Amino acid sequence: MTSPETPSNKNDRLLKYGLIGTVLVALCCFTPILMILLGVVGLSAMLGWIDLVLLPALAVFIGITLYALWRRGRIN
């Protein structure tokens, strides 16, 4: 059986997911990686609405990261 998750383990996992998500979305927002990949596979028609998805996703992941850092400060 698995041991119950402590608040610090849960917070570390939340921080890890927040940072990974922020980096991935930032790479797709600020570099042409996503445009090149979608163009290569023939899905460049999807690029018209990509900012409507990526910018809110960036805000959400930054929020998750900040929340995890705030919780880490309260626990320690």
PDB file of N, CA and C in Angstrom:
ATOM      1  N   MET A   1       0.831  -1.172   0.000  1.00  0.00           N
ATOM      2  CA  MET A   1       0.000   0.000   0.000  1.00  0.00           C
ATOM      3  C   MET A   1       0.882   1.244   0.000  1.00  0.00           C
ATOM      4  N   THR A   2       0.344   2.287  -0.495  1.00  0.00           N
ATOM      5  CA  THR A   2       1.091   3.540  -0.505  1.00  0.00           C
ATOM      6  C   THR A   2       0.829   4.305   0.778  1.00  0.00           C
ATOM      7  N   SER A   3       1.821   5.078   1.163  1.00  0.00           N
ATOM      8  CA  SER A   3       1.662   5.883   2.367  1.00  0.00           C
ATOM      9  C   SER A   3       0.865   7.141   2.036  1.00  0.00           C
ATOM     10  N   PRO A   4       0.159   7.679   3.018  1.00  0.00           N
ATOM     11  CA  PRO A   4      -0.600   8.903   2.740  1.00  0.00           C
ATOM     12  C   PRO A   4       0.345  10.055   2.392  1.00  0.00           C
ATOM     13  N   GLU A   5      -0.138  10.904   1.515  1.00  0.00           N
ATOM     14  CA  GLU A   5       0.685  12.003   1.034  1.00  0.00           C
ATOM     15  C   GLU A   5       0.732  13.116   2.069  1.00  0.00           C
ATOM     16  N   THR A   6       1.930  13.573   2.372  1.00  0.00           N
ATOM     17  CA  THR A   6       2.080  14.687   3.300  1.00  0.00           C
ATOM     18  C   THR A   6       1.863  15.993   2.547  1.00  0.00           C
ATOM     19  N   PRO A   7       1.523  17.066   3.246  1.00  0.00           N
ATOM     20  CA  PRO A   7       1.306  18.341   2.546  1.00  0.00           C
ATOM     21  C   PRO A   7       2.533  18.826   1.784  1.00  0.00           C
ATOM     22  N   SER A   8       3.742  18.560   2.296  1.00  0.00           N
ATOM     23  CA  SER A   8       4.929  19.038   1.572  1.00  0.00           C
ATOM     24  C   SER A   8       5.133  18.259   0.278  1.00  0.00           C
ATOM     25  N   ASN A   9       4.830  16.942   0.274  1.00  0.00           N
ATOM     26  CA  ASN A   9       4.947  16.167  -0.964  1.00  0.00           C
ATOM     27  C   ASN A   9       3.940  16.652  -1.999  1.00  0.00           C
ATOM     28  N   LYS A  10       2.722  16.934  -1.545  1.00  0.00           N
ATOM     29  CA  LYS A  10       1.690  17.419  -2.452  1.00  0.00           C
ATOM     30  C   LYS A  10       2.082  18.787  -3.004  1.00  0.00           C
ATOM     31  N   ASN A  11       2.642  19.634  -2.148  1.00  0.00           N
ATOM     32  CA  ASN A  11       3.060  20.958  -2.578  1.00  0.00           C
ATOM     33  C   ASN A  11       4.228  20.875  -3.562  1.00  0.00           C
ATOM     34  N   ASP A  12       5.174  19.967  -3.327  1.00  0.00           N
ATOM     35  CA  ASP A  12       6.294  19.800  -4.257  1.00  0.00           C
ATOM     36  C   ASP A  12       5.813  19.327  -5.618  1.00  0.00           C
ATOM     37  N   ARG A  13       4.844  18.431  -5.617  1.00  0.00           N
ATOM     38  CA  ARG A  13       4.291  17.944  -6.880  1.00  0.00           C
ATOM     39  C   ARG A  13       3.553  19.066  -7.611  1.00  0.00           C
ATOM     40  N   LEU A  14       2.789  19.869  -6.872  1.00  0.00           N
ATOM     41  CA  LEU A  14       2.082  20.994  -7.462  1.00  0.00           C
ATOM     42  C   LEU A  14       3.066  22.007  -8.041  1.00  0.00           C
ATOM     43  N   LEU A  15       4.146  22.268  -7.325  1.00  0.00           N
ATOM     44  CA  LEU A  15       5.174  23.189  -7.810  1.00  0.00           C
ATOM     45  C   LEU A  15       5.846  22.641  -9.068  1.00  0.00           C
ATOM     46  N   LYS A  16       6.126  21.349  -9.083  1.00  0.00           N
ATOM     47  CA  LYS A  16       6.757  20.724 -10.252  1.00  0.00           C
ATOM     48  C   LYS A  16       5.857  20.835 -11.480  1.00  0.00           C
ATOM     49  N   TYR A  17       4.578  20.529 -11.324  1.00  0.00           N
ATOM     50  CA  TYR A  17       3.648  20.625 -12.454  1.00  0.00           C
ATOM     51  C   TYR A  17       3.478  22.063 -12.913  1.00  0.00           C
ATOM     52  N   GLY A  18       3.443  22.988 -11.973  1.00  0.00           N
ATOM     53  CA  GLY A  18       3.315  24.391 -12.337  1.00  0.00           C
ATOM     54  C   GLY A  18       4.513  24.891 -13.126  1.00  0.00           C
ATOM     55  N   LEU A  19       5.705  24.526 -12.682  1.00  0.00           N
ATOM     56  CA  LEU A  19       6.910  24.964 -13.387  1.00  0.00           C
ATOM     57  C   LEU A  19       7.039  24.329 -14.770  1.00  0.00           C
ATOM     58  N   ILE A  20       6.758  23.045 -14.862  1.00  0.00           N
ATOM     59  CA  ILE A  20       6.838  22.366 -16.160  1.00  0.00           C
ATOM     60  C   ILE A  20       5.820  22.949 -17.135  1.00  0.00           C
ATOM     61  N   GLY A  21       4.607  23.152 -16.675  1.00  0.00           N
ATOM     62  CA  GLY A  21       3.573  23.740 -17.532  1.00  0.00           C
ATOM     63  C   GLY A  21       3.915  25.148 -17.967  1.00  0.00           C
ATOM     64  N   THR A  22       4.439  25.950 -17.043  1.00  0.00           N
ATOM     65  CA  THR A  22       4.816  27.319 -17.376  1.00  0.00           C
ATOM     66  C   THR A  22       5.908  27.341 -18.434  1.00  0.00           C
ATOM     67  N   VAL A  23       6.906  26.500 -18.282  1.00  0.00           N
ATOM     68  CA  VAL A  23       8.004  26.472 -19.253  1.00  0.00           C
ATOM     69  C   VAL A  23       7.506  26.011 -20.622  1.00  0.00           C
ATOM     70  N   LEU A  24       6.684  24.980 -20.659  1.00  0.00           N
ATOM     71  CA  LEU A  24       6.183  24.486 -21.951  1.00  0.00           C
ATOM     72  C   LEU A  24       5.317  25.515 -22.658  1.00  0.00           C
ATOM     73  N   VAL A  25       4.405  26.136 -21.923  1.00  0.00           N
ATOM     74  CA  VAL A  25       3.530  27.125 -22.553  1.00  0.00           C
ATOM     75  C   VAL A  25       4.323  28.356 -22.961  1.00  0.00           C
ATOM     76  N   ALA A  26       5.295  28.758 -22.139  1.00  0.00           N
ATOM     77  CA  ALA A  26       6.118  29.914 -22.501  1.00  0.00           C
ATOM     78  C   ALA A  26       6.929  29.632 -23.765  1.00  0.00           C
ATOM     79  N   LEU A  27       7.444  28.419 -23.894  1.00  0.00           N
ATOM     80  CA  LEU A  27       8.170  28.068 -25.119  1.00  0.00           C
ATOM     81  C   LEU A  27       7.269  28.157 -26.342  1.00  0.00           C
ATOM     82  N   CYS A  28       6.046  27.707 -26.203  1.00  0.00           N
ATOM     83  CA  CYS A  28       5.125  27.755 -27.334  1.00  0.00           C
ATOM     84  C   CYS A  28       4.635  29.171 -27.610  1.00  0.00           C
ATOM     85  N   CYS A  29       4.557  30.007 -26.575  1.00  0.00           N
ATOM     86  CA  CYS A  29       4.093  31.392 -26.755  1.00  0.00           C
ATOM     87  C   CYS A  29       5.165  32.277 -27.369  1.00  0.00           C
ATOM     88  N   PHE A  30       6.371  32.174 -26.853  1.00  0.00           N
ATOM     89  CA  PHE A  30       7.397  33.144 -27.188  1.00  0.00           C
ATOM     90  C   PHE A  30       8.377  32.676 -28.253  1.00  0.00           C
ATOM     91  N   THR A  31       8.277  31.452 -28.672  1.00  0.00           N
ATOM     92  CA  THR A  31       9.127  30.956 -29.750  1.00  0.00           C
ATOM     93  C   THR A  31       8.227  30.317 -30.805  1.00  0.00           C
ATOM     94  N   PRO A  32       8.700  30.196 -32.014  1.00  0.00           N
ATOM     95  CA  PRO A  32       7.863  29.633 -33.080  1.00  0.00           C
ATOM     96  C   PRO A  32       7.829  28.104 -33.105  1.00  0.00           C
ATOM     97  N   ILE A  33       8.135  27.462 -31.987  1.00  0.00           N
ATOM     98  CA  ILE A  33       8.177  25.995 -31.973  1.00  0.00           C
ATOM     99  C   ILE A  33       6.838  25.394 -32.393  1.00  0.00           C
ATOM    100  N   LEU A  34       5.763  25.872 -31.783  1.00  0.00           N
ATOM    101  CA  LEU A  34       4.446  25.310 -32.077  1.00  0.00           C
ATOM    102  C   LEU A  34       4.029  25.605 -33.519  1.00  0.00           C
ATOM    103  N   MET A  35       4.341  26.792 -34.018  1.00  0.00           N
ATOM    104  CA  MET A  35       3.976  27.122 -35.397  1.00  0.00           C
ATOM    105  C   MET A  35       4.707  26.225 -36.389  1.00  0.00           C
ATOM    106  N   ILE A  36       5.979  25.974 -36.131  1.00  0.00           N
ATOM    107  CA  ILE A  36       6.760  25.113 -37.024  1.00  0.00           C
ATOM    108  C   ILE A  36       6.224  23.687 -36.983  1.00  0.00           C
ATOM    109  N   LEU A  37       5.961  23.176 -35.782  1.00  0.00           N
ATOM    110  CA  LEU A  37       5.462  21.800 -35.664  1.00  0.00           C
ATOM    111  C   LEU A  37       4.099  21.627 -36.319  1.00  0.00           C
ATOM    112  N   LEU A  38       3.195  22.571 -36.103  1.00  0.00           N
ATOM    113  CA  LEU A  38       1.873  22.456 -36.727  1.00  0.00           C
ATOM    114  C   LEU A  38       1.955  22.633 -38.239  1.00  0.00           C
ATOM    115  N   GLY A  39       2.861  23.480 -38.706  1.00  0.00           N
ATOM    116  CA  GLY A  39       3.036  23.647 -40.144  1.00  0.00           C
ATOM    117  C   GLY A  39       3.596  22.403 -40.803  1.00  0.00           C
ATOM    118  N   VAL A  40       4.489  21.711 -40.118  1.00  0.00           N
ATOM    119  CA  VAL A  40       5.106  20.504 -40.666  1.00  0.00           C
ATOM    120  C   VAL A  40       4.075  19.393 -40.841  1.00  0.00           C
ATOM    121  N   VAL A  41       3.176  19.260 -39.868  1.00  0.00           N
ATOM    122  CA  VAL A  41       2.193  18.176 -39.952  1.00  0.00           C
ATOM    123  C   VAL A  41       0.923  18.591 -40.684  1.00  0.00           C
ATOM    124  N   GLY A  42       0.877  19.831 -41.201  1.00  0.00           N
ATOM    125  CA  GLY A  42      -0.249  20.260 -42.010  1.00  0.00           C
ATOM    126  C   GLY A  42      -1.425  20.798 -41.219  1.00  0.00           C
ATOM    127  N   LEU A  43      -1.217  21.215 -40.006  1.00  0.00           N
ATOM    128  CA  LEU A  43      -2.299  21.743 -39.188  1.00  0.00           C
ATOM    129  C   LEU A  43      -2.133  23.241 -38.950  1.00  0.00           C
ATOM    130  N   SER A  44      -1.590  23.939 -39.914  1.00  0.00           N
ATOM    131  CA  SER A  44      -1.334  25.367 -39.735  1.00  0.00           C
ATOM    132  C   SER A  44      -2.625  26.178 -39.684  1.00  0.00           C
ATOM    133  N   ALA A  45      -3.745  25.628 -40.095  1.00  0.00           N
ATOM    134  CA  ALA A  45      -5.026  26.337 -39.983  1.00  0.00           C
ATOM    135  C   ALA A  45      -5.424  26.542 -38.528  1.00  0.00           C
ATOM    136  N   MET A  46      -4.848  25.771 -37.618  1.00  0.00           N
ATOM    137  CA  MET A  46      -5.156  25.902 -36.203  1.00  0.00           C
ATOM    138  C   MET A  46      -4.452  27.086 -35.555  1.00  0.00           C
ATOM    139  N   LEU A  47      -3.543  27.736 -36.259  1.00  0.00           N
ATOM    140  CA  LEU A  47      -2.744  28.800 -35.669  1.00  0.00           C
ATOM    141  C   LEU A  47      -3.518  30.092 -35.454  1.00  0.00           C
ATOM    142  N   GLY A  48      -4.680  30.240 -36.041  1.00  0.00           N
ATOM    143  CA  GLY A  48      -5.443  31.468 -35.895  1.00  0.00           C
ATOM    144  C   GLY A  48      -5.937  31.707 -34.480  1.00  0.00           C
ATOM    145  N   TRP A  49      -6.261  30.683 -33.765  1.00  0.00           N
ATOM    146  CA  TRP A  49      -6.807  30.833 -32.412  1.00  0.00           C
ATOM    147  C   TRP A  49      -5.832  30.402 -31.328  1.00  0.00           C
ATOM    148  N   ILE A  50      -4.588  30.163 -31.691  1.00  0.00           N
ATOM    149  CA  ILE A  50      -3.623  29.620 -30.728  1.00  0.00           C
ATOM    150  C   ILE A  50      -3.355  30.575 -29.566  1.00  0.00           C
ATOM    151  N   ASP A  51      -3.366  31.895 -29.816  1.00  0.00           N
ATOM    152  CA  ASP A  51      -3.124  32.846 -28.727  1.00  0.00           C
ATOM    153  C   ASP A  51      -4.284  32.860 -27.738  1.00  0.00           C
ATOM    154  N   LEU A  52      -5.473  32.544 -28.206  1.00  0.00           N
ATOM    155  CA  LEU A  52      -6.622  32.497 -27.303  1.00  0.00           C
ATOM    156  C   LEU A  52      -6.517  31.347 -26.310  1.00  0.00           C
ATOM    157  N   VAL A  53      -5.700  30.369 -26.619  1.00  0.00           N
ATOM    158  CA  VAL A  53      -5.512  29.222 -25.734  1.00  0.00           C
ATOM    159  C   VAL A  53      -4.219  29.353 -24.926  1.00  0.00           C
ATOM    160  N   LEU A  54      -3.136  29.740 -25.581  1.00  0.00           N
ATOM    161  CA  LEU A  54      -1.833  29.737 -24.919  1.00  0.00           C
ATOM    162  C   LEU A  54      -1.690  30.812 -23.847  1.00  0.00           C
ATOM    163  N   LEU A  55      -2.187  31.999 -24.087  1.00  0.00           N
ATOM    164  CA  LEU A  55      -2.023  33.062 -23.098  1.00  0.00           C
ATOM    165  C   LEU A  55      -2.796  32.787 -21.808  1.00  0.00           C
ATOM    166  N   PRO A  56      -4.061  32.349 -21.867  1.00  0.00           N
ATOM    167  CA  PRO A  56      -4.725  31.965 -20.617  1.00  0.00           C
ATOM    168  C   PRO A  56      -4.064  30.752 -19.947  1.00  0.00           C
ATOM    169  N   ALA A  57      -3.568  29.808 -20.737  1.00  0.00           N
ATOM    170  CA  ALA A  57      -2.885  28.649 -20.154  1.00  0.00           C
ATOM    171  C   ALA A  57      -1.617  29.095 -19.432  1.00  0.00           C
ATOM    172  N   LEU A  58      -0.899  30.063 -19.995  1.00  0.00           N
ATOM    173  CA  LEU A  58       0.286  30.597 -19.336  1.00  0.00           C
ATOM    174  C   LEU A  58      -0.092  31.245 -18.006  1.00  0.00           C
ATOM    175  N   ALA A  59      -1.174  32.003 -17.997  1.00  0.00           N
ATOM    176  CA  ALA A  59      -1.625  32.645 -16.759  1.00  0.00           C
ATOM    177  C   ALA A  59      -2.009  31.607 -15.710  1.00  0.00           C
ATOM    178  N   VAL A  60      -2.668  30.541 -16.122  1.00  0.00           N
ATOM    179  CA  VAL A  60      -3.074  29.485 -15.185  1.00  0.00           C
ATOM    180  C   VAL A  60      -1.852  28.795 -14.593  1.00  0.00           C
ATOM    181  N   PHE A  61      -0.874  28.445 -15.416  1.00  0.00           N
ATOM    182  CA  PHE A  61       0.311  27.757 -14.908  1.00  0.00           C
ATOM    183  C   PHE A  61       1.173  28.667 -14.028  1.00  0.00           C
ATOM    184  N   ILE A  62       1.240  29.943 -14.347  1.00  0.00           N
ATOM    185  CA  ILE A  62       1.951  30.868 -13.468  1.00  0.00           C
ATOM    186  C   ILE A  62       1.218  30.970 -12.136  1.00  0.00           C
ATOM    187  N   GLY A  63      -0.105  30.986 -12.182  1.00  0.00           N
ATOM    188  CA  GLY A  63      -0.892  31.001 -10.950  1.00  0.00           C
ATOM    189  C   GLY A  63      -0.671  29.762 -10.104  1.00  0.00           C
ATOM    190  N   ILE A  64      -0.612  28.601 -10.735  1.00  0.00           N
ATOM    191  CA  ILE A  64      -0.358  27.354 -10.006  1.00  0.00           C
ATOM    192  C   ILE A  64       1.018  27.399  -9.354  1.00  0.00           C
ATOM    193  N   THR A  65       2.001  27.897 -10.079  1.00  0.00           N
ATOM    194  CA  THR A  65       3.354  27.987  -9.530  1.00  0.00           C
ATOM    195  C   THR A  65       3.403  28.943  -8.336  1.00  0.00           C
ATOM    196  N   LEU A  66       2.775  30.097  -8.468  1.00  0.00           N
ATOM    197  CA  LEU A  66       2.765  31.056  -7.365  1.00  0.00           C
ATOM    198  C   LEU A  66       2.022  30.505  -6.150  1.00  0.00           C
ATOM    199  N   TYR A  67       0.918  29.810  -6.385  1.00  0.00           N
ATOM    200  CA  TYR A  67       0.167  29.208  -5.285  1.00  0.00           C
ATOM    201  C   TYR A  67       1.014  28.150  -4.568  1.00  0.00           C
ATOM    202  N   ALA A  68       1.732  27.331  -5.326  1.00  0.00           N
ATOM    203  CA  ALA A  68       2.580  26.300  -4.717  1.00  0.00           C
ATOM    204  C   ALA A  68       3.712  26.936  -3.913  1.00  0.00           C
ATOM    205  N   LEU A  69       4.294  28.022  -4.425  1.00  0.00           N
ATOM    206  CA  LEU A  69       5.341  28.717  -3.676  1.00  0.00           C
ATOM    207  C   LEU A  69       4.785  29.347  -2.402  1.00  0.00           C
ATOM    208  N   TRP A  70       3.572  29.886  -2.463  1.00  0.00           N
ATOM    209  CA  TRP A  70       2.936  30.466  -1.289  1.00  0.00           C
ATOM    210  C   TRP A  70       2.666  29.396  -0.243  1.00  0.00           C
ATOM    211  N   ARG A  71       2.167  28.238  -0.683  1.00  0.00           N
ATOM    212  CA  ARG A  71       1.909  27.139   0.255  1.00  0.00           C
ATOM    213  C   ARG A  71       3.204  26.619   0.860  1.00  0.00           C
ATOM    214  N   ARG A  72       4.253  26.563   0.068  1.00  0.00           N
ATOM    215  CA  ARG A  72       5.553  26.099   0.575  1.00  0.00           C
ATOM    216  C   ARG A  72       6.044  27.037   1.681  1.00  0.00           C
ATOM    217  N   GLY A  73       5.854  28.338   1.500  1.00  0.00           N
ATOM    218  CA  GLY A  73       6.251  29.304   2.514  1.00  0.00           C
ATOM    219  C   GLY A  73       5.446  29.171   3.801  1.00  0.00           C
ATOM    220  N   ARG A  74       4.171  28.829   3.676  1.00  0.00           N
ATOM    221  CA  ARG A  74       3.326  28.658   4.861  1.00  0.00           C
ATOM    222  C   ARG A  74       3.645  27.381   5.615  1.00  0.00           C
ATOM    223  N   ILE A  75       3.995  26.316   4.879  1.00  0.00           N
ATOM    224  CA  ILE A  75       4.279  25.031   5.518  1.00  0.00           C
ATOM    225  C   ILE A  75       5.611  25.087   6.247  1.00  0.00           C
ATOM    226  N   ASN A  76       6.609  25.696   5.631  1.00  0.00           N
ATOM    227  CA  ASN A  76       7.942  25.779   6.240  1.00  0.00           C
ATOM    228  C   ASN A  76       7.942  26.891   7.193  1.00  0.00           C
TER     229      ASN A  76
END
